[in-house]
Amino acid sequence: MAASEGSAGRLVGYVRVSTRDQNPDMQRDALVRAGCSPIFEERRSGAFRDRPELLACLRELRAGDTLVVWSFSRLGRSRAHLLDVADELRIRGVNLRSLHEPFDTSTAWGRFFYTLVAALAELEREWTLERTAPGLEAARARGRHGGRKTVVTPRRLEVILAMYASRDPQHTYQQIADTVGIGRTTVIRTIRQHRAGQAVSP
């Protein structure tokens, strides 16, 4: 659940530039003016999901805090990754704010906008599945089976759901993934499927 408007949580900043030649001063100065402290600074391409400083920043955040970025492009290049981060923060009671785009989940409008974007992404995913399903059925009829073997064993699923249900702020998606020895994206997908009442798939 998102923190209430006007909460006294910290403003935690995240700065990212893609190469060592790029200057992060503009982003950092804007975050300082916004009142952010601490500020985590990364020099790595947004194509990488598991960035050390981003992961450290996510571990630092507590319920009631707000993660502030100059632009959402600093968090990642793909909409899927942005929604993963936003969803993790929402579950932990952490707000998300962009200085460049008019977006702040500590406000009613920001929460509505996030819900709308997430719903559109889910609709797009369902359309993709609908387009893919006939091809998979045809392949199965010819004796071919697509997909990968699941890595979410019953024991791993038990640990994932127990850590998630604990609501411990230390139990981030990355920590759960590290504990059970699978990828962070798989953990997120597993939890979403469980929350939606779906059978966990690979």
Protein backbone atom coordinates (compact mmCIF):
# COMPACT_ATOMS: atom_id res chain seq x y z
CA MET A 1 0.00 0.00 0.00
CA ALA A 2 1.34 3.42 -0.89
CA ALA A 3 2.34 5.76 1.85
CA SER A 4 -0.21 8.44 2.65
CA GLU A 5 0.12 11.93 1.27
CA GLY A 6 2.18 14.20 3.47
CA SER A 7 4.09 11.33 5.13
CA ALA A 8 7.38 12.22 6.78
CA GLY A 9 9.48 9.64 4.94
CA ARG A 10 12.83 10.43 3.37
CA LEU A 11 13.46 11.48 -0.21
CA VAL A 12 16.05 9.04 -1.57
CA GLY A 13 17.62 9.92 -4.92
CA TYR A 14 18.94 7.74 -7.74
CA VAL A 15 21.19 9.08 -10.49
CA ARG A 16 22.33 7.10 -13.55
CA VAL A 17 24.47 7.89 -16.56
CA SER A 18 25.29 5.32 -19.21
CA THR A 19 29.04 5.88 -19.60
CA ARG A 20 31.94 7.35 -17.66
CA ASP A 21 32.09 10.19 -20.17
CA GLN A 22 28.62 11.44 -19.28
CA ASN A 23 28.23 14.01 -16.51
CA PRO A 24 25.73 13.23 -13.72
CA ASP A 25 25.89 16.74 -12.23
CA MET A 26 22.58 17.94 -13.68
CA GLN A 27 20.68 15.00 -12.24
CA ARG A 28 22.46 15.16 -8.90
CA ASP A 29 21.96 18.91 -8.52
CA ALA A 30 18.24 18.56 -9.27
CA LEU A 31 17.87 15.83 -6.66
CA VAL A 32 19.77 17.88 -4.08
CA ARG A 33 17.46 20.83 -4.73
CA ALA A 34 14.49 18.50 -4.27
CA GLY A 35 15.81 17.60 -0.81
CA CYS A 36 17.08 14.08 -1.50
CA SER A 37 19.46 12.39 0.91
CA PRO A 38 21.03 9.92 0.44
CA ILE A 39 21.62 9.92 -3.33
CA PHE A 40 22.85 6.80 -5.13
CA GLU A 41 24.86 7.31 -8.31
CA GLU A 42 25.32 4.74 -11.07
CA ARG A 43 27.46 4.69 -14.20
CA ARG A 44 25.97 1.86 -16.20
CA SER A 45 23.63 1.28 -19.13
CA GLY A 46 19.93 1.09 -18.38
CA ALA A 47 19.82 -2.14 -20.36
CA PHE A 48 21.19 -3.89 -17.25
CA ARG A 49 18.46 -4.66 -14.70
CA ASP A 50 20.65 -5.75 -11.81
CA ARG A 51 22.69 -2.58 -11.32
CA PRO A 52 24.66 -2.50 -8.03
CA GLU A 53 23.73 1.07 -7.03
CA LEU A 54 20.07 0.62 -7.96
CA LEU A 55 19.90 -2.54 -5.88
CA ALA A 56 21.61 -0.75 -2.98
CA CYS A 57 19.11 2.10 -3.34
CA LEU A 58 16.16 -0.30 -3.27
CA ARG A 59 17.56 -1.97 -0.13
CA GLU A 60 17.91 1.45 1.53
CA LEU A 61 14.26 2.42 1.04
CA ARG A 62 11.76 2.00 3.86
CA ALA A 63 7.97 2.31 4.03
CA GLY A 64 7.02 5.98 3.80
CA ASP A 65 10.14 6.93 1.81
CA THR A 66 10.02 8.27 -1.74
CA LEU A 67 12.43 7.21 -4.49
CA VAL A 68 13.15 10.30 -6.60
CA VAL A 69 14.69 10.22 -10.09
CA TRP A 70 15.31 13.00 -12.58
CA SER A 71 13.51 10.96 -15.26
CA PHE A 72 12.07 7.46 -15.48
CA SER A 73 14.60 6.74 -18.22
CA ARG A 74 17.20 6.73 -15.43
CA LEU A 75 15.54 3.72 -13.81
CA GLY A 76 15.47 1.61 -16.95
CA ARG A 77 14.85 1.46 -20.66
CA SER A 78 11.92 -0.94 -20.74
CA ARG A 79 8.39 -0.37 -19.53
CA ALA A 80 8.39 -3.86 -18.02
CA HIS A 81 11.36 -3.05 -15.80
CA LEU A 82 9.88 0.28 -14.72
CA LEU A 83 6.63 -1.45 -13.75
CA ASP A 84 8.55 -4.14 -11.86
CA VAL A 85 10.35 -1.49 -9.81
CA ALA A 86 7.17 0.54 -9.27
CA ASP A 87 5.25 -2.56 -8.22
CA GLU A 88 7.95 -3.58 -5.75
CA LEU A 89 7.95 -0.09 -4.23
CA ARG A 90 4.16 0.00 -4.00
CA ILE A 91 4.08 -3.33 -2.17
CA ARG A 92 6.69 -2.04 0.29
CA GLY A 93 4.84 1.24 0.88
CA VAL A 94 7.47 3.34 -0.91
CA ASN A 95 6.48 6.16 -3.25
CA LEU A 96 8.03 6.92 -6.66
CA ARG A 97 8.55 10.41 -8.04
CA SER A 98 10.04 11.77 -11.27
CA LEU A 99 11.25 15.37 -11.49
CA HIS A 100 11.07 15.42 -15.29
CA GLU A 101 7.69 13.74 -15.79
CA PRO A 102 4.63 14.84 -13.78
CA PHE A 103 4.48 11.61 -11.78
CA ASP A 104 4.40 11.11 -8.01
CA THR A 105 2.71 8.09 -6.40
CA SER A 106 2.40 9.95 -3.09
CA THR A 107 -0.50 11.82 -4.74
CA ALA A 108 -3.91 10.45 -5.70
CA TRP A 109 -3.35 11.36 -9.37
CA GLY A 110 0.06 9.67 -9.42
CA ARG A 111 -1.40 6.45 -7.99
CA PHE A 112 -4.22 6.54 -10.54
CA PHE A 113 -1.76 7.07 -13.39
CA TYR A 114 0.40 4.16 -12.21
CA THR A 115 -2.68 1.90 -12.00
CA LEU A 116 -3.68 2.90 -15.53
CA VAL A 117 -0.23 2.22 -16.98
CA ALA A 118 0.00 -1.14 -15.17
CA ALA A 119 -3.47 -2.13 -16.44
CA LEU A 120 -2.52 -1.29 -20.03
CA ALA A 121 0.68 -3.34 -19.69
CA GLU A 122 -1.32 -6.30 -18.36
CA LEU A 123 -3.77 -5.99 -21.26
CA GLU A 124 -0.88 -5.96 -23.70
CA ARG A 125 0.52 -9.10 -22.05
CA GLU A 126 -2.84 -10.88 -22.38
CA TRP A 127 -3.04 -9.93 -26.07
CA THR A 128 0.45 -11.33 -26.58
CA LEU A 129 -0.56 -14.58 -24.91
CA GLU A 130 -3.68 -14.79 -27.07
CA ARG A 131 -1.56 -14.38 -30.21
CA THR A 132 0.99 -16.94 -29.00
CA ALA A 133 -1.41 -19.64 -27.78
CA PRO A 134 -2.62 -20.87 -31.22
CA GLY A 135 0.97 -21.30 -32.37
CA LEU A 136 1.87 -23.29 -29.25
CA GLU A 137 -1.19 -25.51 -29.66
CA ALA A 138 -0.26 -26.20 -33.27
CA ALA A 139 3.31 -27.02 -32.26
CA ARG A 140 2.10 -29.41 -29.55
CA ALA A 141 -0.14 -31.14 -32.08
CA ARG A 142 2.97 -31.79 -34.17
CA GLY A 143 4.84 -33.14 -31.15
CA ARG A 144 6.89 -30.05 -30.27
CA HIS A 145 6.72 -28.45 -26.85
CA GLY A 146 7.88 -24.87 -26.24
CA GLY A 147 8.99 -23.16 -23.07
CA ARG A 148 11.59 -23.84 -20.45
CA LYS A 149 11.56 -26.23 -17.53
CA THR A 150 10.31 -24.46 -14.41
CA VAL A 151 12.89 -23.36 -11.86
CA VAL A 152 10.24 -22.61 -9.23
CA THR A 153 10.21 -25.88 -7.32
CA PRO A 154 7.65 -26.45 -4.55
CA ARG A 155 10.31 -25.72 -1.93
CA ARG A 156 11.41 -22.51 -3.65
CA LEU A 157 7.79 -21.43 -4.01
CA GLU A 158 7.25 -21.99 -0.28
CA VAL A 159 10.25 -19.81 0.61
CA ILE A 160 9.33 -17.09 -1.91
CA LEU A 161 5.77 -16.78 -0.59
CA ALA A 162 6.87 -16.92 3.05
CA MET A 163 9.42 -14.13 2.61
CA TYR A 164 6.95 -12.04 0.62
CA ALA A 165 4.15 -12.55 3.15
CA SER A 166 6.40 -11.45 6.01
CA ARG A 167 6.25 -7.83 4.72
CA ASP A 168 9.77 -7.40 6.08
CA PRO A 169 11.24 -4.30 4.31
CA GLN A 170 14.52 -6.19 4.01
CA HIS A 171 12.85 -8.85 1.88
CA THR A 172 13.18 -7.13 -1.47
CA TYR A 173 12.63 -9.04 -4.70
CA GLN A 174 16.40 -9.21 -5.13
CA GLN A 175 16.97 -10.62 -1.64
CA ILE A 176 14.28 -13.25 -2.18
CA ALA A 177 15.87 -14.14 -5.53
CA ASP A 178 19.32 -14.42 -3.93
CA THR A 179 17.93 -16.60 -1.12
CA VAL A 180 16.27 -19.16 -3.37
CA GLY A 181 18.85 -18.97 -6.15
CA ILE A 182 16.73 -17.83 -9.09
CA GLY A 183 16.37 -14.62 -11.09
CA ARG A 184 14.67 -11.51 -9.72
CA THR A 185 12.27 -11.38 -12.68
CA THR A 186 11.15 -14.95 -11.98
CA VAL A 187 10.45 -14.05 -8.35
CA ILE A 188 8.34 -11.05 -9.41
CA ARG A 189 6.40 -13.13 -11.94
CA THR A 190 5.83 -15.90 -9.37
CA ILE A 191 4.47 -13.48 -6.77
CA ARG A 192 2.21 -11.77 -9.31
CA GLN A 193 0.80 -15.11 -10.44
CA HIS A 194 0.21 -16.13 -6.83
CA ARG A 195 -1.55 -12.85 -6.03
CA ALA A 196 -3.75 -13.27 -9.11
CA GLY A 197 -4.67 -16.81 -8.08
CA GLN A 198 -2.99 -18.34 -11.09
CA ALA A 199 -0.94 -21.53 -11.24
CA VAL A 200 2.75 -20.70 -11.08
CA SER A 201 4.34 -21.26 -14.47
CA PRO A 202 8.00 -21.28 -15.61
